[in-house]
Amino acid sequence: MRSMVYASLPLGVGIVAEPFMGGGSTIAAAEALGLSSVGVEVQSEYYELAQQAIPRLAALSEDDISEIQDDGSPESGQQILSL
């Protein structure tokens, strides 16, 4: 997601807008990259999930992400989803 968000604002100018925020991964990616962002979610369950997930996802380092991708085990994917 960080690569996709960066591609949307390669000069770092502007605001990332996510009208269907869901769990917040796009907003977390923008935050991790230091970009401004706005997310909208009407489902209270997803909004509450995003409130918890965004800071935790944004705090993941590139090494953390690489480690998760390299592992490939279902358990590591489940850990990330449960953030």
PDB file of N, CA and C in Angstrom:
ATOM      1  N   MET A   1       0.815  -1.188   0.000  1.00  0.00           N
ATOM      2  CA  MET A   1       0.000   0.000   0.000  1.00  0.00           C
ATOM      3  C   MET A   1       0.863   1.258   0.000  1.00  0.00           C
ATOM      4  N   ARG A   2       1.996   1.187   0.684  1.00  0.00           N
ATOM      5  CA  ARG A   2       2.860   2.373   0.722  1.00  0.00           C
ATOM      6  C   ARG A   2       3.333   2.754  -0.671  1.00  0.00           C
ATOM      7  N   SER A   3       3.669   1.767  -1.484  1.00  0.00           N
ATOM      8  CA  SER A   3       4.110   2.041  -2.851  1.00  0.00           C
ATOM      9  C   SER A   3       2.985   2.669  -3.667  1.00  0.00           C
ATOM     10  N   MET A   4       1.781   2.159  -3.503  1.00  0.00           N
ATOM     11  CA  MET A   4       0.639   2.696  -4.248  1.00  0.00           C
ATOM     12  C   MET A   4       0.313   4.118  -3.803  1.00  0.00           C
ATOM     13  N   VAL A   5       0.366   4.359  -2.505  1.00  0.00           N
ATOM     14  CA  VAL A   5       0.089   5.706  -1.995  1.00  0.00           C
ATOM     15  C   VAL A   5       1.168   6.669  -2.458  1.00  0.00           C
ATOM     16  N   TYR A   6       2.413   6.249  -2.384  1.00  0.00           N
ATOM     17  CA  TYR A   6       3.507   7.107  -2.852  1.00  0.00           C
ATOM     18  C   TYR A   6       3.328   7.439  -4.335  1.00  0.00           C
ATOM     19  N   ALA A   7       2.910   6.466  -5.124  1.00  0.00           N
ATOM     20  CA  ALA A   7       2.716   6.693  -6.557  1.00  0.00           C
ATOM     21  C   ALA A   7       1.607   7.713  -6.816  1.00  0.00           C
ATOM     22  N   SER A   8       0.648   7.795  -5.896  1.00  0.00           N
ATOM     23  CA  SER A   8      -0.442   8.751  -6.091  1.00  0.00           C
ATOM     24  C   SER A   8       0.000  10.190  -5.803  1.00  0.00           C
ATOM     25  N   LEU A   9       1.007  10.361  -4.972  1.00  0.00           N
ATOM     26  CA  LEU A   9       1.542  11.693  -4.645  1.00  0.00           C
ATOM     27  C   LEU A   9       3.072  11.643  -4.622  1.00  0.00           C
ATOM     28  N   PRO A  10       3.707  11.374  -5.775  1.00  0.00           N
ATOM     29  CA  PRO A  10       5.163  11.182  -5.781  1.00  0.00           C
ATOM     30  C   PRO A  10       5.956  12.400  -5.320  1.00  0.00           C
ATOM     31  N   LEU A  11       5.400  13.593  -5.429  1.00  0.00           N
ATOM     32  CA  LEU A  11       6.105  14.792  -4.976  1.00  0.00           C
ATOM     33  C   LEU A  11       5.758  15.130  -3.528  1.00  0.00           C
ATOM     34  N   GLY A  12       4.867  14.330  -2.924  1.00  0.00           N
ATOM     35  CA  GLY A  12       4.486  14.568  -1.538  1.00  0.00           C
ATOM     36  C   GLY A  12       3.599  15.776  -1.346  1.00  0.00           C
ATOM     37  N   VAL A  13       2.990  16.234  -2.432  1.00  0.00           N
ATOM     38  CA  VAL A  13       2.133  17.412  -2.376  1.00  0.00           C
ATOM     39  C   VAL A  13       0.694  16.975  -2.628  1.00  0.00           C
ATOM     40  N   GLY A  14      -0.209  17.396  -1.753  1.00  0.00           N
ATOM     41  CA  GLY A  14      -1.612  17.053  -1.902  1.00  0.00           C
ATOM     42  C   GLY A  14      -2.106  16.249  -0.718  1.00  0.00           C
ATOM     43  N   ILE A  15      -3.304  15.711  -0.867  1.00  0.00           N
ATOM     44  CA  ILE A  15      -3.933  14.944   0.201  1.00  0.00           C
ATOM     45  C   ILE A  15      -4.439  13.624  -0.371  1.00  0.00           C
ATOM     46  N   VAL A  16      -4.121  12.527   0.306  1.00  0.00           N
ATOM     47  CA  VAL A  16      -4.648  11.222  -0.070  1.00  0.00           C
ATOM     48  C   VAL A  16      -6.063  11.135   0.493  1.00  0.00           C
ATOM     49  N   ALA A  17      -7.045  10.916  -0.373  1.00  0.00           N
ATOM     50  CA  ALA A  17      -8.439  10.806   0.058  1.00  0.00           C
ATOM     51  C   ALA A  17      -8.908   9.369  -0.123  1.00  0.00           C
ATOM     52  N   GLU A  18      -9.461   8.798   0.923  1.00  0.00           N
ATOM     53  CA  GLU A  18      -9.966   7.420   0.901  1.00  0.00           C
ATOM     54  C   GLU A  18     -11.436   7.455   1.308  1.00  0.00           C
ATOM     55  N   PRO A  19     -12.360   7.462   0.327  1.00  0.00           N
ATOM     56  CA  PRO A  19     -13.784   7.592   0.650  1.00  0.00           C
ATOM     57  C   PRO A  19     -14.405   6.336   1.259  1.00  0.00           C
ATOM     58  N   PHE A  20     -13.761   5.206   1.105  1.00  0.00           N
ATOM     59  CA  PHE A  20     -14.241   3.946   1.681  1.00  0.00           C
ATOM     60  C   PHE A  20     -13.088   3.340   2.466  1.00  0.00           C
ATOM     61  N   MET A  21     -12.842   3.858   3.660  1.00  0.00           N
ATOM     62  CA  MET A  21     -11.620   3.593   4.407  1.00  0.00           C
ATOM     63  C   MET A  21     -11.464   2.156   4.878  1.00  0.00           C
ATOM     64  N   GLY A  22     -12.554   1.478   5.191  1.00  0.00           N
ATOM     65  CA  GLY A  22     -12.426   0.109   5.674  1.00  0.00           C
ATOM     66  C   GLY A  22     -11.545   0.024   6.899  1.00  0.00           C
ATOM     67  N   GLY A  23     -10.553  -0.844   6.860  1.00  0.00           N
ATOM     68  CA  GLY A  23      -9.658  -1.041   7.995  1.00  0.00           C
ATOM     69  C   GLY A  23      -8.559  -0.015   8.113  1.00  0.00           C
ATOM     70  N   GLY A  24      -8.419   0.878   7.147  1.00  0.00           N
ATOM     71  CA  GLY A  24      -7.479   1.984   7.261  1.00  0.00           C
ATOM     72  C   GLY A  24      -6.105   1.794   6.656  1.00  0.00           C
ATOM     73  N   SER A  25      -5.902   0.767   5.838  1.00  0.00           N
ATOM     74  CA  SER A  25      -4.552   0.514   5.324  1.00  0.00           C
ATOM     75  C   SER A  25      -4.015   1.640   4.446  1.00  0.00           C
ATOM     76  N   THR A  26      -4.868   2.276   3.654  1.00  0.00           N
ATOM     77  CA  THR A  26      -4.410   3.377   2.807  1.00  0.00           C
ATOM     78  C   THR A  26      -4.010   4.578   3.651  1.00  0.00           C
ATOM     79  N   ILE A  27      -4.805   4.885   4.659  1.00  0.00           N
ATOM     80  CA  ILE A  27      -4.500   6.014   5.538  1.00  0.00           C
ATOM     81  C   ILE A  27      -3.231   5.728   6.339  1.00  0.00           C
ATOM     82  N   ALA A  28      -3.057   4.489   6.782  1.00  0.00           N
ATOM     83  CA  ALA A  28      -1.838   4.108   7.504  1.00  0.00           C
ATOM     84  C   ALA A  28      -0.610   4.258   6.612  1.00  0.00           C
ATOM     85  N   ALA A  29      -0.738   3.869   5.349  1.00  0.00           N
ATOM     86  CA  ALA A  29       0.381   4.005   4.423  1.00  0.00           C
ATOM     87  C   ALA A  29       0.739   5.477   4.232  1.00  0.00           C
ATOM     88  N   ALA A  30      -0.276   6.311   4.080  1.00  0.00           N
ATOM     89  CA  ALA A  30      -0.018   7.754   3.928  1.00  0.00           C
ATOM     90  C   ALA A  30       0.663   8.306   5.167  1.00  0.00           C
ATOM     91  N   GLU A  31       0.194   7.908   6.334  1.00  0.00           N
ATOM     92  CA  GLU A  31       0.795   8.380   7.584  1.00  0.00           C
ATOM     93  C   GLU A  31       2.253   7.939   7.682  1.00  0.00           C
ATOM     94  N   ALA A  32       2.526   6.691   7.309  1.00  0.00           N
ATOM     95  CA  ALA A  32       3.897   6.174   7.373  1.00  0.00           C
ATOM     96  C   ALA A  32       4.827   6.946   6.443  1.00  0.00           C
ATOM     97  N   LEU A  33       4.271   7.446   5.346  1.00  0.00           N
ATOM     98  CA  LEU A  33       5.071   8.204   4.384  1.00  0.00           C
ATOM     99  C   LEU A  33       5.103   9.697   4.689  1.00  0.00           C
ATOM    100  N   GLY A  34       4.407  10.114   5.734  1.00  0.00           N
ATOM    101  CA  GLY A  34       4.383  11.516   6.093  1.00  0.00           C
ATOM    102  C   GLY A  34       3.491  12.364   5.201  1.00  0.00           C
ATOM    103  N   LEU A  35       2.519  11.741   4.555  1.00  0.00           N
ATOM    104  CA  LEU A  35       1.606  12.449   3.662  1.00  0.00           C
ATOM    105  C   LEU A  35       0.305  12.781   4.381  1.00  0.00           C
ATOM    106  N   SER A  36      -0.331  13.855   3.973  1.00  0.00           N
ATOM    107  CA  SER A  36      -1.638  14.213   4.517  1.00  0.00           C
ATOM    108  C   SER A  36      -2.688  13.280   3.940  1.00  0.00           C
ATOM    109  N   SER A  37      -3.680  12.935   4.772  1.00  0.00           N
ATOM    110  CA  SER A  37      -4.717  12.028   4.290  1.00  0.00           C
ATOM    111  C   SER A  37      -6.036  12.281   5.007  1.00  0.00           C
ATOM    112  N   VAL A  38      -7.112  11.873   4.339  1.00  0.00           N
ATOM    113  CA  VAL A  38      -8.455  11.951   4.896  1.00  0.00           C
ATOM    114  C   VAL A  38      -9.156  10.654   4.541  1.00  0.00           C
ATOM    115  N   GLY A  39      -9.741  10.009   5.548  1.00  0.00           N
ATOM    116  CA  GLY A  39     -10.488   8.778   5.321  1.00  0.00           C
ATOM    117  C   GLY A  39     -11.908   8.920   5.826  1.00  0.00           C
ATOM    118  N   VAL A  40     -12.835   8.305   5.090  1.00  0.00           N
ATOM    119  CA  VAL A  40     -14.244   8.330   5.467  1.00  0.00           C
ATOM    120  C   VAL A  40     -14.748   6.896   5.532  1.00  0.00           C
ATOM    121  N   GLU A  41     -15.428   6.563   6.613  1.00  0.00           N
ATOM    122  CA  GLU A  41     -16.023   5.222   6.755  1.00  0.00           C
ATOM    123  C   GLU A  41     -17.347   5.358   7.495  1.00  0.00           C
ATOM    124  N   VAL A  42     -18.421   4.849   6.899  1.00  0.00           N
ATOM    125  CA  VAL A  42     -19.743   4.962   7.518  1.00  0.00           C
ATOM    126  C   VAL A  42     -20.072   3.780   8.429  1.00  0.00           C
ATOM    127  N   GLN A  43     -19.405   2.650   8.230  1.00  0.00           N
ATOM    128  CA  GLN A  43     -19.650   1.479   9.066  1.00  0.00           C
ATOM    129  C   GLN A  43     -18.870   1.619  10.366  1.00  0.00           C
ATOM    130  N   SER A  44     -19.579   1.680  11.483  1.00  0.00           N
ATOM    131  CA  SER A  44     -18.917   1.932  12.763  1.00  0.00           C
ATOM    132  C   SER A  44     -17.911   0.843  13.121  1.00  0.00           C
ATOM    133  N   GLU A  45     -18.183  -0.409  12.732  1.00  0.00           N
ATOM    134  CA  GLU A  45     -17.249  -1.496  13.044  1.00  0.00           C
ATOM    135  C   GLU A  45     -15.903  -1.271  12.354  1.00  0.00           C
ATOM    136  N   TYR A  46     -15.960  -0.871  11.090  1.00  0.00           N
ATOM    137  CA  TYR A  46     -14.718  -0.628  10.355  1.00  0.00           C
ATOM    138  C   TYR A  46     -14.017   0.620  10.865  1.00  0.00           C
ATOM    139  N   TYR A  47     -14.794   1.630  11.230  1.00  0.00           N
ATOM    140  CA  TYR A  47     -14.197   2.852  11.764  1.00  0.00           C
ATOM    141  C   TYR A  47     -13.424   2.543  13.046  1.00  0.00           C
ATOM    142  N   GLU A  48     -14.027   1.770  13.928  1.00  0.00           N
ATOM    143  CA  GLU A  48     -13.360   1.407  15.178  1.00  0.00           C
ATOM    144  C   GLU A  48     -12.112   0.565  14.911  1.00  0.00           C
ATOM    145  N   LEU A  49     -12.209  -0.353  13.964  1.00  0.00           N
ATOM    146  CA  LEU A  49     -11.046  -1.151  13.579  1.00  0.00           C
ATOM    147  C   LEU A  49      -9.928  -0.251  13.055  1.00  0.00           C
ATOM    148  N   ALA A  50     -10.292   0.687  12.188  1.00  0.00           N
ATOM    149  CA  ALA A  50      -9.294   1.592  11.608  1.00  0.00           C
ATOM    150  C   ALA A  50      -8.630   2.451  12.675  1.00  0.00           C
ATOM    151  N   GLN A  51      -9.387   2.906  13.649  1.00  0.00           N
ATOM    152  CA  GLN A  51      -8.812   3.722  14.725  1.00  0.00           C
ATOM    153  C   GLN A  51      -7.689   2.977  15.436  1.00  0.00           C
ATOM    154  N   GLN A  52      -7.858   1.692  15.613  1.00  0.00           N
ATOM    155  CA  GLN A  52      -6.832   0.889  16.282  1.00  0.00           C
ATOM    156  C   GLN A  52      -5.711   0.487  15.324  1.00  0.00           C
ATOM    157  N   ALA A  53      -6.079   0.173  14.081  1.00  0.00           N
ATOM    158  CA  ALA A  53      -5.100  -0.370  13.133  1.00  0.00           C
ATOM    159  C   ALA A  53      -4.166   0.675  12.537  1.00  0.00           C
ATOM    160  N   ILE A  54      -4.670   1.860  12.259  1.00  0.00           N
ATOM    161  CA  ILE A  54      -3.864   2.865  11.544  1.00  0.00           C
ATOM    162  C   ILE A  54      -2.550   3.174  12.254  1.00  0.00           C
ATOM    163  N   PRO A  55      -2.547   3.520  13.532  1.00  0.00           N
ATOM    164  CA  PRO A  55      -1.245   3.817  14.154  1.00  0.00           C
ATOM    165  C   PRO A  55      -0.317   2.611  14.203  1.00  0.00           C
ATOM    166  N   ARG A  56      -0.888   1.432  14.360  1.00  0.00           N
ATOM    167  CA  ARG A  56      -0.049   0.234  14.437  1.00  0.00           C
ATOM    168  C   ARG A  56       0.533  -0.121  13.074  1.00  0.00           C
ATOM    169  N   LEU A  57      -0.272  -0.006  12.029  1.00  0.00           N
ATOM    170  CA  LEU A  57       0.228  -0.284  10.682  1.00  0.00           C
ATOM    171  C   LEU A  57       1.247   0.761  10.253  1.00  0.00           C
ATOM    172  N   ALA A  58       0.983   2.016  10.560  1.00  0.00           N
ATOM    173  CA  ALA A  58       1.902   3.094  10.177  1.00  0.00           C
ATOM    174  C   ALA A  58       3.249   2.954  10.871  1.00  0.00           C
ATOM    175  N   ALA A  59       3.252   2.377  12.060  1.00  0.00           N
ATOM    176  CA  ALA A  59       4.491   2.230  12.827  1.00  0.00           C
ATOM    177  C   ALA A  59       5.373   1.080  12.349  1.00  0.00           C
ATOM    178  N   LEU A  60       4.843   0.199  11.505  1.00  0.00           N
ATOM    179  CA  LEU A  60       5.652  -0.916  11.003  1.00  0.00           C
ATOM    180  C   LEU A  60       6.799  -0.384  10.161  1.00  0.00           C
ATOM    181  N   SER A  61       7.984  -0.896  10.397  1.00  0.00           N
ATOM    182  CA  SER A  61       9.144  -0.490   9.608  1.00  0.00           C
ATOM    183  C   SER A  61       9.186  -1.308   8.320  1.00  0.00           C
ATOM    184  N   GLU A  62      10.002  -0.869   7.395  1.00  0.00           N
ATOM    185  CA  GLU A  62      10.179  -1.615   6.143  1.00  0.00           C
ATOM    186  C   GLU A  62      10.716  -3.019   6.433  1.00  0.00           C
ATOM    187  N   ASP A  63      11.578  -3.150   7.449  1.00  0.00           N
ATOM    188  CA  ASP A  63      12.102  -4.465   7.824  1.00  0.00           C
ATOM    189  C   ASP A  63      10.984  -5.364   8.339  1.00  0.00           C
ATOM    190  N   ASP A  64      10.073  -4.801   9.138  1.00  0.00           N
ATOM    191  CA  ASP A  64       8.931  -5.580   9.633  1.00  0.00           C
ATOM    192  C   ASP A  64       8.095  -6.097   8.472  1.00  0.00           C
ATOM    193  N   ILE A  65       7.845  -5.231   7.507  1.00  0.00           N
ATOM    194  CA  ILE A  65       7.026  -5.602   6.353  1.00  0.00           C
ATOM    195  C   ILE A  65       7.722  -6.672   5.532  1.00  0.00           C
ATOM    196  N   SER A  66       9.024  -6.510   5.294  1.00  0.00           N
ATOM    197  CA  SER A  66       9.780  -7.507   4.524  1.00  0.00           C
ATOM    198  C   SER A  66       9.781  -8.854   5.225  1.00  0.00           C
ATOM    199  N   GLU A  67       9.928  -8.830   6.527  1.00  0.00           N
ATOM    200  CA  GLU A  67       9.944 -10.068   7.306  1.00  0.00           C
ATOM    201  C   GLU A  67       8.614 -10.806   7.172  1.00  0.00           C
ATOM    202  N   ILE A  68       7.535 -10.078   7.216  1.00  0.00           N
ATOM    203  CA  ILE A  68       6.201 -10.678   7.090  1.00  0.00           C
ATOM    204  C   ILE A  68       6.025 -11.247   5.691  1.00  0.00           C
ATOM    205  N   GLN A  69       6.428 -10.502   4.659  1.00  0.00           N
ATOM    206  CA  GLN A  69       6.283 -10.952   3.286  1.00  0.00           C
ATOM    207  C   GLN A  69       7.158 -12.170   3.008  1.00  0.00           C
ATOM    208  N   ASP A  70       8.364 -12.203   3.554  1.00  0.00           N
ATOM    209  CA  ASP A  70       9.290 -13.300   3.321  1.00  0.00           C
ATOM    210  C   ASP A  70       8.844 -14.586   4.007  1.00  0.00           C
ATOM    211  N   ASP A  71       8.202 -14.450   5.162  1.00  0.00           N
ATOM    212  CA  ASP A  71       7.780 -15.615   5.931  1.00  0.00           C
ATOM    213  C   ASP A  71       6.762 -16.434   5.141  1.00  0.00           C
ATOM    214  N   GLY A  72       5.717 -15.784   4.659  1.00  0.00           N
ATOM    215  CA  GLY A  72       4.721 -16.448   3.842  1.00  0.00           C
ATOM    216  C   GLY A  72       3.814 -17.410   4.563  1.00  0.00           C
ATOM    217  N   SER A  73       3.985 -17.577   5.861  1.00  0.00           N
ATOM    218  CA  SER A  73       3.140 -18.523   6.570  1.00  0.00           C
ATOM    219  C   SER A  73       1.786 -17.900   6.887  1.00  0.00           C
ATOM    220  N   PRO A  74       0.724 -18.712   6.905  1.00  0.00           N
ATOM    221  CA  PRO A  74      -0.594 -18.172   7.233  1.00  0.00           C
ATOM    222  C   PRO A  74      -0.628 -17.532   8.608  1.00  0.00           C
ATOM    223  N   GLU A  75       0.166 -18.053   9.541  1.00  0.00           N
ATOM    224  CA  GLU A  75       0.158 -17.509  10.892  1.00  0.00           C
ATOM    225  C   GLU A  75       0.606 -16.056  10.901  1.00  0.00           C
ATOM    226  N   SER A  76       1.648 -15.726  10.126  1.00  0.00           N
ATOM    227  CA  SER A  76       2.116 -14.343  10.143  1.00  0.00           C
ATOM    228  C   SER A  76       1.065 -13.432   9.532  1.00  0.00           C
ATOM    229  N   GLY A  77       0.367 -13.872   8.499  1.00  0.00           N
ATOM    230  CA  GLY A  77      -0.700 -13.081   7.921  1.00  0.00           C
ATOM    231  C   GLY A  77      -1.823 -12.857   8.902  1.00  0.00           C
ATOM    232  N   GLN A  78      -2.126 -13.871   9.695  1.00  0.00           N
ATOM    233  CA  GLN A  78      -3.184 -13.725  10.693  1.00  0.00           C
ATOM    234  C   GLN A  78      -2.769 -12.738  11.769  1.00  0.00           C
ATOM    235  N   GLN A  79      -1.499 -12.719  12.123  1.00  0.00           N
ATOM    236  CA  GLN A  79      -1.039 -11.757  13.121  1.00  0.00           C
ATOM    237  C   GLN A  79      -1.193 -10.334  12.627  1.00  0.00           C
ATOM    238  N   ILE A  80      -0.872 -10.094  11.390  1.00  0.00           N
ATOM    239  CA  ILE A  80      -0.986  -8.758  10.837  1.00  0.00           C
ATOM    240  C   ILE A  80      -2.458  -8.333  10.786  1.00  0.00           C
ATOM    241  N   LEU A  81      -3.329  -9.228  10.379  1.00  0.00           N
ATOM    242  CA  LEU A  81      -4.742  -8.897  10.296  1.00  0.00           C
ATOM    243  C   LEU A  81      -5.341  -8.612  11.666  1.00  0.00           C
ATOM    244  N   SER A  82      -4.773  -9.176  12.700  1.00  0.00           N
ATOM    245  CA  SER A  82      -5.341  -8.983  14.032  1.00  0.00           C
ATOM    246  C   SER A  82      -4.828  -7.724  14.721  1.00  0.00           C
ATOM    247  N   LEU A  83      -3.982  -6.949  14.035  1.00  0.00           N
ATOM    248  CA  LEU A  83      -3.474  -5.711  14.634  1.00  0.00           C
ATOM    249  C   LEU A  83      -4.633  -4.863  15.000  1.00  0.00           C
TER     250      LEU A  83
END
